Structures are given as structure tokens and as C-alpha cells.
Amino acid sequence: MVRIDLPVNVGAAAARNWLMKEPQGMESDFAVYLDDDVEVEPDWISRFGAAVEAYPEAGVWGCKVLDYSVPSVMQSVDLHIIQPVG
């Protein structure tokens, strides 16, 4: 596993585009983007690995994101991947 930190804060979208073009990212089978203020469970990477094994046909894997100060609030639940028709 390789960790890449950007030298400046360019915003989430620009950072992901930047990191996608880094040699380590281009050579990897998988990439995980975590913001600097995220808190994850100690076993988060093995849980993602289990999801990849369980659903190898998927093109993207994700997780439920909760608000830190109000854990009953989920973040970004208004975004959905739409299945292609046909």
C-alpha cells in the first residue's frame, strides 16, 4: 500500500484528479481517496477487500459516511450510481 499526500490543498475533486495521474496511482489496481479529516475503523481496508472479493464484477465499492458530530446523519446520500438501461 502506498500513501500519497499532496503538497497543497487544491480541493477534493482536483486532488482526486491529480492523484489519479500520479505514477503510483496509474500502476495500481485500486485507489482509495481519504480526506485528511476522515476517521476509519481499524479494519476498514480488510472490509473493503472483502467487498471486492464478494462482488468482483462491481466497478466501484463504497461505504456509508456518517457525520462525525452527529452519527445519525449520513453524508452524500443524495448521490447514486444509476444502472444503465438495456
PDB file of N, CA and C in Angstrom:
ATOM      1  N   MET A   1       0.858  -1.165   0.000  1.00  0.00           N
ATOM      2  CA  MET A   1       0.000   0.000   0.000  1.00  0.00           C
ATOM      3  C   MET A   1       0.907   1.232   0.000  1.00  0.00           C
ATOM      4  N   VAL A   2       0.559   2.188  -0.832  1.00  0.00           N
ATOM      5  CA  VAL A   2       1.314   3.426  -0.954  1.00  0.00           C
ATOM      6  C   VAL A   2       0.432   4.588  -0.527  1.00  0.00           C
ATOM      7  N   ARG A   3       0.968   5.492   0.264  1.00  0.00           N
ATOM      8  CA  ARG A   3       0.236   6.692   0.662  1.00  0.00           C
ATOM      9  C   ARG A   3       0.858   7.873  -0.060  1.00  0.00           C
ATOM     10  N   ILE A   4      -0.009   8.689  -0.662  1.00  0.00           N
ATOM     11  CA  ILE A   4       0.444   9.897  -1.345  1.00  0.00           C
ATOM     12  C   ILE A   4      -0.273  11.081  -0.721  1.00  0.00           C
ATOM     13  N   ASP A   5       0.489  12.042  -0.241  1.00  0.00           N
ATOM     14  CA  ASP A   5      -0.065  13.287   0.290  1.00  0.00           C
ATOM     15  C   ASP A   5       0.287  14.407  -0.669  1.00  0.00           C
ATOM     16  N   LEU A   6      -0.682  15.239  -0.992  1.00  0.00           N
ATOM     17  CA  LEU A   6      -0.413  16.380  -1.861  1.00  0.00           C
ATOM     18  C   LEU A   6       0.255  17.503  -1.071  1.00  0.00           C
ATOM     19  N   PRO A   7       1.124  18.275  -1.729  1.00  0.00           N
ATOM     20  CA  PRO A   7       1.831  19.349  -1.028  1.00  0.00           C
ATOM     21  C   PRO A   7       0.966  20.557  -0.697  1.00  0.00           C
ATOM     22  N   VAL A   8      -0.178  20.691  -1.372  1.00  0.00           N
ATOM     23  CA  VAL A   8      -1.077  21.820  -1.137  1.00  0.00           C
ATOM     24  C   VAL A   8      -2.514  21.323  -1.152  1.00  0.00           C
ATOM     25  N   ASN A   9      -3.420  22.093  -0.541  1.00  0.00           N
ATOM     26  CA  ASN A   9      -4.838  21.765  -0.558  1.00  0.00           C
ATOM     27  C   ASN A   9      -5.453  22.387  -1.815  1.00  0.00           C
ATOM     28  N   VAL A  10      -5.843  21.536  -2.758  1.00  0.00           N
ATOM     29  CA  VAL A  10      -6.421  22.023  -4.013  1.00  0.00           C
ATOM     30  C   VAL A  10      -7.913  21.726  -4.114  1.00  0.00           C
ATOM     31  N   GLY A  11      -8.488  21.145  -3.058  1.00  0.00           N
ATOM     32  CA  GLY A  11      -9.894  20.764  -3.088  1.00  0.00           C
ATOM     33  C   GLY A  11     -10.033  19.296  -3.473  1.00  0.00           C
ATOM     34  N   ALA A  12     -11.129  18.697  -3.062  1.00  0.00           N
ATOM     35  CA  ALA A  12     -11.319  17.254  -3.230  1.00  0.00           C
ATOM     36  C   ALA A  12     -11.287  16.796  -4.686  1.00  0.00           C
ATOM     37  N   ALA A  13     -12.061  17.430  -5.539  1.00  0.00           N
ATOM     38  CA  ALA A  13     -12.134  16.974  -6.940  1.00  0.00           C
ATOM     39  C   ALA A  13     -10.782  17.107  -7.637  1.00  0.00           C
ATOM     40  N   ALA A  14     -10.143  18.251  -7.489  1.00  0.00           N
ATOM     41  CA  ALA A  14      -8.831  18.457  -8.118  1.00  0.00           C
ATOM     42  C   ALA A  14      -7.794  17.502  -7.545  1.00  0.00           C
ATOM     43  N   ALA A  15      -7.854  17.245  -6.244  1.00  0.00           N
ATOM     44  CA  ALA A  15      -6.903  16.324  -5.613  1.00  0.00           C
ATOM     45  C   ALA A  15      -7.058  14.919  -6.174  1.00  0.00           C
ATOM     46  N   ARG A  16      -8.285  14.477  -6.350  1.00  0.00           N
ATOM     47  CA  ARG A  16      -8.502  13.127  -6.888  1.00  0.00           C
ATOM     48  C   ARG A  16      -8.007  13.032  -8.330  1.00  0.00           C
ATOM     49  N   ASN A  17      -8.252  14.070  -9.118  1.00  0.00           N
ATOM     50  CA  ASN A  17      -7.735  14.082 -10.487  1.00  0.00           C
ATOM     51  C   ASN A  17      -6.209  14.065 -10.494  1.00  0.00           C
ATOM     52  N   TRP A  18      -5.607  14.856  -9.628  1.00  0.00           N
ATOM     53  CA  TRP A  18      -4.147  14.922  -9.515  1.00  0.00           C
ATOM     54  C   TRP A  18      -3.586  13.552  -9.140  1.00  0.00           C
ATOM     55  N   LEU A  19      -4.134  12.950  -8.083  1.00  0.00           N
ATOM     56  CA  LEU A  19      -3.633  11.667  -7.607  1.00  0.00           C
ATOM     57  C   LEU A  19      -3.830  10.551  -8.624  1.00  0.00           C
ATOM     58  N   MET A  20      -4.901  10.621  -9.397  1.00  0.00           N
ATOM     59  CA  MET A  20      -5.159   9.617 -10.421  1.00  0.00           C
ATOM     60  C   MET A  20      -4.050   9.601 -11.471  1.00  0.00           C
ATOM     61  N   LYS A  21      -3.389  10.746 -11.662  1.00  0.00           N
ATOM     62  CA  LYS A  21      -2.336  10.861 -12.668  1.00  0.00           C
ATOM     63  C   LYS A  21      -0.937  10.576 -12.116  1.00  0.00           C
ATOM     64  N   GLU A  22      -0.814  10.389 -10.805  1.00  0.00           N
ATOM     65  CA  GLU A  22       0.476  10.051 -10.210  1.00  0.00           C
ATOM     66  C   GLU A  22       0.870   8.640 -10.660  1.00  0.00           C
ATOM     67  N   PRO A  23       2.162   8.386 -10.904  1.00  0.00           N
ATOM     68  CA  PRO A  23       2.593   7.049 -11.355  1.00  0.00           C
ATOM     69  C   PRO A  23       2.120   5.913 -10.451  1.00  0.00           C
ATOM     70  N   GLN A  24       2.189   6.113  -9.124  1.00  0.00           N
ATOM     71  CA  GLN A  24       1.745   5.048  -8.217  1.00  0.00           C
ATOM     72  C   GLN A  24       0.258   4.757  -8.389  1.00  0.00           C
ATOM     73  N   GLY A  25      -0.525   5.773  -8.631  1.00  0.00           N
ATOM     74  CA  GLY A  25      -1.952   5.574  -8.841  1.00  0.00           C
ATOM     75  C   GLY A  25      -2.248   4.904 -10.169  1.00  0.00           C
ATOM     76  N   MET A  26      -1.527   5.308 -11.190  1.00  0.00           N
ATOM     77  CA  MET A  26      -1.763   4.733 -12.521  1.00  0.00           C
ATOM     78  C   MET A  26      -1.350   3.266 -12.583  1.00  0.00           C
ATOM     79  N   GLU A  27      -0.373   2.876 -11.772  1.00  0.00           N
ATOM     80  CA  GLU A  27       0.131   1.496 -11.794  1.00  0.00           C
ATOM     81  C   GLU A  27      -0.637   0.573 -10.849  1.00  0.00           C
ATOM     82  N   SER A  28      -1.515   1.118 -10.035  1.00  0.00           N
ATOM     83  CA  SER A  28      -2.230   0.328  -9.031  1.00  0.00           C
ATOM     84  C   SER A  28      -3.523  -0.243  -9.582  1.00  0.00           C
ATOM     85  N   ASP A  29      -3.906  -1.386  -9.043  1.00  0.00           N
ATOM     86  CA  ASP A  29      -5.197  -1.980  -9.401  1.00  0.00           C
ATOM     87  C   ASP A  29      -6.348  -1.238  -8.731  1.00  0.00           C
ATOM     88  N   PHE A  30      -6.088  -0.674  -7.545  1.00  0.00           N
ATOM     89  CA  PHE A  30      -7.120   0.007  -6.783  1.00  0.00           C
ATOM     90  C   PHE A  30      -6.560   1.310  -6.236  1.00  0.00           C
ATOM     91  N   ALA A  31      -7.456   2.270  -6.011  1.00  0.00           N
ATOM     92  CA  ALA A  31      -7.092   3.520  -5.347  1.00  0.00           C
ATOM     93  C   ALA A  31      -8.176   3.849  -4.334  1.00  0.00           C
ATOM     94  N   VAL A  32      -7.764   4.357  -3.191  1.00  0.00           N
ATOM     95  CA  VAL A  32      -8.684   4.791  -2.149  1.00  0.00           C
ATOM     96  C   VAL A  32      -8.372   6.250  -1.868  1.00  0.00           C
ATOM     97  N   TYR A  33      -9.388   7.083  -1.904  1.00  0.00           N
ATOM     98  CA  TYR A  33      -9.221   8.501  -1.616  1.00  0.00           C
ATOM     99  C   TYR A  33      -9.821   8.789  -0.243  1.00  0.00           C
ATOM    100  N   LEU A  34      -8.985   9.253   0.680  1.00  0.00           N
ATOM    101  CA  LEU A  34      -9.445   9.608   2.016  1.00  0.00           C
ATOM    102  C   LEU A  34      -9.077  11.056   2.283  1.00  0.00           C
ATOM    103  N   ASP A  35     -10.019  11.820   2.790  1.00  0.00           N
ATOM    104  CA  ASP A  35      -9.731  13.197   3.177  1.00  0.00           C
ATOM    105  C   ASP A  35      -8.940  13.207   4.476  1.00  0.00           C
ATOM    106  N   ASP A  36      -8.262  14.312   4.741  1.00  0.00           N
ATOM    107  CA  ASP A  36      -7.404  14.382   5.923  1.00  0.00           C
ATOM    108  C   ASP A  36      -8.177  14.412   7.239  1.00  0.00           C
ATOM    109  N   ASP A  37      -9.463  14.646   7.199  1.00  0.00           N
ATOM    110  CA  ASP A  37     -10.247  14.675   8.435  1.00  0.00           C
ATOM    111  C   ASP A  37     -11.092  13.416   8.639  1.00  0.00           C
ATOM    112  N   VAL A  38     -10.834  12.389   7.879  1.00  0.00           N
ATOM    113  CA  VAL A  38     -11.625  11.164   7.986  1.00  0.00           C
ATOM    114  C   VAL A  38     -11.145  10.316   9.165  1.00  0.00           C
ATOM    115  N   GLU A  39     -12.076   9.620   9.786  1.00  0.00           N
ATOM    116  CA  GLU A  39     -11.758   8.629  10.803  1.00  0.00           C
ATOM    117  C   GLU A  39     -12.350   7.314  10.340  1.00  0.00           C
ATOM    118  N   VAL A  40     -11.503   6.298  10.252  1.00  0.00           N
ATOM    119  CA  VAL A  40     -11.949   4.987   9.782  1.00  0.00           C
ATOM    120  C   VAL A  40     -11.720   3.946  10.867  1.00  0.00           C
ATOM    121  N   GLU A  41     -12.479   2.870  10.792  1.00  0.00           N
ATOM    122  CA  GLU A  41     -12.306   1.757  11.718  1.00  0.00           C
ATOM    123  C   GLU A  41     -10.964   1.080  11.430  1.00  0.00           C
ATOM    124  N   PRO A  42     -10.348   0.458  12.438  1.00  0.00           N
ATOM    125  CA  PRO A  42      -9.044  -0.181  12.228  1.00  0.00           C
ATOM    126  C   PRO A  42      -9.036  -1.244  11.122  1.00  0.00           C
ATOM    127  N   ASP A  43     -10.166  -1.898  10.898  1.00  0.00           N
ATOM    128  CA  ASP A  43     -10.220  -2.968   9.896  1.00  0.00           C
ATOM    129  C   ASP A  43     -10.821  -2.518   8.558  1.00  0.00           C
ATOM    130  N   TRP A  44     -10.827  -1.216   8.291  1.00  0.00           N
ATOM    131  CA  TRP A  44     -11.514  -0.705   7.104  1.00  0.00           C
ATOM    132  C   TRP A  44     -10.959  -1.284   5.813  1.00  0.00           C
ATOM    133  N   ILE A  45      -9.658  -1.435   5.701  1.00  0.00           N
ATOM    134  CA  ILE A  45      -9.083  -1.906   4.438  1.00  0.00           C
ATOM    135  C   ILE A  45      -9.430  -3.381   4.195  1.00  0.00           C
ATOM    136  N   SER A  46      -9.465  -4.191   5.235  1.00  0.00           N
ATOM    137  CA  SER A  46      -9.841  -5.596   5.051  1.00  0.00           C
ATOM    138  C   SER A  46     -11.327  -5.712   4.715  1.00  0.00           C
ATOM    139  N   ARG A  47     -12.153  -4.797   5.233  1.00  0.00           N
ATOM    140  CA  ARG A  47     -13.576  -4.810   4.896  1.00  0.00           C
ATOM    141  C   ARG A  47     -13.802  -4.434   3.433  1.00  0.00           C
ATOM    142  N   PHE A  48     -13.002  -3.484   2.944  1.00  0.00           N
ATOM    143  CA  PHE A  48     -13.088  -3.162   1.512  1.00  0.00           C
ATOM    144  C   PHE A  48     -12.630  -4.354   0.682  1.00  0.00           C
ATOM    145  N   GLY A  49     -11.562  -5.003   1.114  1.00  0.00           N
ATOM    146  CA  GLY A  49     -11.088  -6.198   0.414  1.00  0.00           C
ATOM    147  C   GLY A  49     -12.143  -7.282   0.366  1.00  0.00           C
ATOM    148  N   ALA A  50     -12.877  -7.449   1.457  1.00  0.00           N
ATOM    149  CA  ALA A  50     -13.957  -8.440   1.495  1.00  0.00           C
ATOM    150  C   ALA A  50     -15.062  -8.071   0.507  1.00  0.00           C
ATOM    151  N   ALA A  51     -15.351  -6.772   0.376  1.00  0.00           N
ATOM    152  CA  ALA A  51     -16.369  -6.333  -0.585  1.00  0.00           C
ATOM    153  C   ALA A  51     -15.918  -6.622  -2.015  1.00  0.00           C
ATOM    154  N   VAL A  52     -14.648  -6.400  -2.296  1.00  0.00           N
ATOM    155  CA  VAL A  52     -14.108  -6.689  -3.634  1.00  0.00           C
ATOM    156  C   VAL A  52     -14.218  -8.182  -3.932  1.00  0.00           C
ATOM    157  N   GLU A  53     -13.886  -9.007  -2.942  1.00  0.00           N
ATOM    158  CA  GLU A  53     -13.994 -10.460  -3.132  1.00  0.00           C
ATOM    159  C   GLU A  53     -15.442 -10.899  -3.300  1.00  0.00           C
ATOM    160  N   ALA A  54     -16.344 -10.293  -2.549  1.00  0.00           N
ATOM    161  CA  ALA A  54     -17.761 -10.684  -2.605  1.00  0.00           C
ATOM    162  C   ALA A  54     -18.435 -10.224  -3.890  1.00  0.00           C
ATOM    163  N   TYR A  55     -18.006  -9.082  -4.424  1.00  0.00           N
ATOM    164  CA  TYR A  55     -18.628  -8.510  -5.618  1.00  0.00           C
ATOM    165  C   TYR A  55     -17.554  -8.133  -6.647  1.00  0.00           C
ATOM    166  N   PRO A  56     -16.843  -9.115  -7.191  1.00  0.00           N
ATOM    167  CA  PRO A  56     -15.741  -8.807  -8.114  1.00  0.00           C
ATOM    168  C   PRO A  56     -16.198  -8.158  -9.423  1.00  0.00           C
ATOM    169  N   GLU A  57     -17.464  -8.306  -9.752  1.00  0.00           N
ATOM    170  CA  GLU A  57     -17.972  -7.728 -11.002  1.00  0.00           C
ATOM    171  C   GLU A  57     -18.255  -6.232 -10.883  1.00  0.00           C
ATOM    172  N   ALA A  58     -18.255  -5.719  -9.665  1.00  0.00           N
ATOM    173  CA  ALA A  58     -18.530  -4.294  -9.456  1.00  0.00           C
ATOM    174  C   ALA A  58     -17.383  -3.449  -9.993  1.00  0.00           C
ATOM    175  N   GLY A  59     -17.691  -2.255 -10.403  1.00  0.00           N
ATOM    176  CA  GLY A  59     -16.674  -1.334 -10.889  1.00  0.00           C
ATOM    177  C   GLY A  59     -16.267  -0.314  -9.847  1.00  0.00           C
ATOM    178  N   VAL A  60     -17.036  -0.228  -8.766  1.00  0.00           N
ATOM    179  CA  VAL A  60     -16.738   0.720  -7.686  1.00  0.00           C
ATOM    180  C   VAL A  60     -17.294   0.139  -6.387  1.00  0.00           C
ATOM    181  N   TRP A  61     -16.584   0.380  -5.308  1.00  0.00           N
ATOM    182  CA  TRP A  61     -17.035  -0.042  -3.992  1.00  0.00           C
ATOM    183  C   TRP A  61     -17.031   1.186  -3.099  1.00  0.00           C
ATOM    184  N   GLY A  62     -17.945   1.256  -2.172  1.00  0.00           N
ATOM    185  CA  GLY A  62     -18.024   2.430  -1.313  1.00  0.00           C
ATOM    186  C   GLY A  62     -18.428   2.057   0.098  1.00  0.00           C
ATOM    187  N   CYS A  63     -18.752   3.057   0.863  1.00  0.00           N
ATOM    188  CA  CYS A  63     -19.119   2.830   2.255  1.00  0.00           C
ATOM    189  C   CYS A  63     -20.140   3.871   2.686  1.00  0.00           C
ATOM    190  N   LYS A  64     -20.699   3.642   3.844  1.00  0.00           N
ATOM    191  CA  LYS A  64     -21.611   4.607   4.442  1.00  0.00           C
ATOM    192  C   LYS A  64     -20.772   5.647   5.172  1.00  0.00           C
ATOM    193  N   VAL A  65     -21.024   6.919   4.911  1.00  0.00           N
ATOM    194  CA  VAL A  65     -20.266   8.003   5.536  1.00  0.00           C
ATOM    195  C   VAL A  65     -21.181   8.729   6.514  1.00  0.00           C
ATOM    196  N   LEU A  66     -20.776   8.733   7.784  1.00  0.00           N
ATOM    197  CA  LEU A  66     -21.563   9.376   8.830  1.00  0.00           C
ATOM    198  C   LEU A  66     -20.923  10.685   9.257  1.00  0.00           C
ATOM    199  N   ASP A  67     -21.752  11.615   9.643  1.00  0.00           N
ATOM    200  CA  ASP A  67     -21.263  12.875  10.187  1.00  0.00           C
ATOM    201  C   ASP A  67     -20.601  12.602  11.532  1.00  0.00           C
ATOM    202  N   TYR A  68     -19.407  13.136  11.732  1.00  0.00           N
ATOM    203  CA  TYR A  68     -18.651  12.848  12.959  1.00  0.00           C
ATOM    204  C   TYR A  68     -19.376  13.333  14.210  1.00  0.00           C
ATOM    205  N   SER A  69     -19.876  14.550  14.184  1.00  0.00           N
ATOM    206  CA  SER A  69     -20.509  15.104  15.385  1.00  0.00           C
ATOM    207  C   SER A  69     -21.946  14.638  15.577  1.00  0.00           C
ATOM    208  N   VAL A  70     -22.592  14.201  14.498  1.00  0.00           N
ATOM    209  CA  VAL A  70     -23.973  13.690  14.586  1.00  0.00           C
ATOM    210  C   VAL A  70     -24.028  12.380  13.790  1.00  0.00           C
ATOM    211  N   PRO A  71     -23.598  11.254  14.386  1.00  0.00           N
ATOM    212  CA  PRO A  71     -23.502   9.988  13.650  1.00  0.00           C
ATOM    213  C   PRO A  71     -24.810   9.467  13.066  1.00  0.00           C
ATOM    214  N   SER A  72     -25.937  10.016  13.487  1.00  0.00           N
ATOM    215  CA  SER A  72     -27.206   9.580  12.899  1.00  0.00           C
ATOM    216  C   SER A  72     -27.436  10.220  11.524  1.00  0.00           C
ATOM    217  N   VAL A  73     -26.565  11.145  11.129  1.00  0.00           N
ATOM    218  CA  VAL A  73     -26.679  11.826   9.836  1.00  0.00           C
ATOM    219  C   VAL A  73     -25.682  11.218   8.851  1.00  0.00           C
ATOM    220  N   MET A  74     -26.214  10.695   7.736  1.00  0.00           N
ATOM    221  CA  MET A  74     -25.342  10.170   6.684  1.00  0.00           C
ATOM    222  C   MET A  74     -25.015  11.290   5.703  1.00  0.00           C
ATOM    223  N   GLN A  75     -23.793  11.260   5.181  1.00  0.00           N
ATOM    224  CA  GLN A  75     -23.366  12.265   4.215  1.00  0.00           C
ATOM    225  C   GLN A  75     -23.464  11.705   2.799  1.00  0.00           C
ATOM    226  N   SER A  76     -23.739  12.583   1.859  1.00  0.00           N
ATOM    227  CA  SER A  76     -23.762  12.274   0.423  1.00  0.00           C
ATOM    228  C   SER A  76     -24.759  11.179   0.053  1.00  0.00           C
ATOM    229  N   VAL A  77     -25.878  11.103   0.755  1.00  0.00           N
ATOM    230  CA  VAL A  77     -26.870  10.091   0.408  1.00  0.00           C
ATOM    231  C   VAL A  77     -27.715  10.518  -0.792  1.00  0.00           C
ATOM    232  N   ASP A  78     -27.477  11.715  -1.272  1.00  0.00           N
ATOM    233  CA  ASP A  78     -28.215  12.181  -2.445  1.00  0.00           C
ATOM    234  C   ASP A  78     -27.527  11.772  -3.741  1.00  0.00           C
ATOM    235  N   LEU A  79     -26.369  11.117  -3.650  1.00  0.00           N
ATOM    236  CA  LEU A  79     -25.634  10.694  -4.839  1.00  0.00           C
ATOM    237  C   LEU A  79     -25.838   9.202  -5.055  1.00  0.00           C
ATOM    238  N   HIS A  80     -26.220   8.823  -6.263  1.00  0.00           N
ATOM    239  CA  HIS A  80     -26.474   7.414  -6.566  1.00  0.00           C
ATOM    240  C   HIS A  80     -25.861   7.057  -7.909  1.00  0.00           C
ATOM    241  N   ILE A  81     -25.393   5.830  -8.002  1.00  0.00           N
ATOM    242  CA  ILE A  81     -24.943   5.309  -9.281  1.00  0.00           C
ATOM    243  C   ILE A  81     -26.173   4.728  -9.971  1.00  0.00           C
ATOM    244  N   ILE A  82     -26.424   5.167 -11.177  1.00  0.00           N
ATOM    245  CA  ILE A  82     -27.615   4.727 -11.905  1.00  0.00           C
ATOM    246  C   ILE A  82     -27.243   3.580 -12.835  1.00  0.00           C
ATOM    247  N   GLN A  83     -28.023   2.502 -12.754  1.00  0.00           N
ATOM    248  CA  GLN A  83     -27.801   1.358 -13.620  1.00  0.00           C
ATOM    249  C   GLN A  83     -28.135   1.721 -15.064  1.00  0.00           C
ATOM    250  N   PRO A  84     -27.302   1.319 -16.029  1.00  0.00           N
ATOM    251  CA  PRO A  84     -27.639   1.567 -17.421  1.00  0.00           C
ATOM    252  C   PRO A  84     -28.885   0.785 -17.833  1.00  0.00           C
ATOM    253  N   VAL A  85     -29.672   1.370 -18.692  1.00  0.00           N
ATOM    254  CA  VAL A  85     -30.896   0.722 -19.174  1.00  0.00           C
ATOM    255  C   VAL A  85     -30.551  -0.126 -20.392  1.00  0.00           C
ATOM    256  N   GLY A  86     -31.110  -1.327 -20.426  1.00  0.00           N
ATOM    257  CA  GLY A  86     -30.935  -2.158 -21.613  1.00  0.00           C
ATOM    258  C   GLY A  86     -30.004  -3.218 -21.420  1.00  0.00           C
TER     259      GLY A  86
END
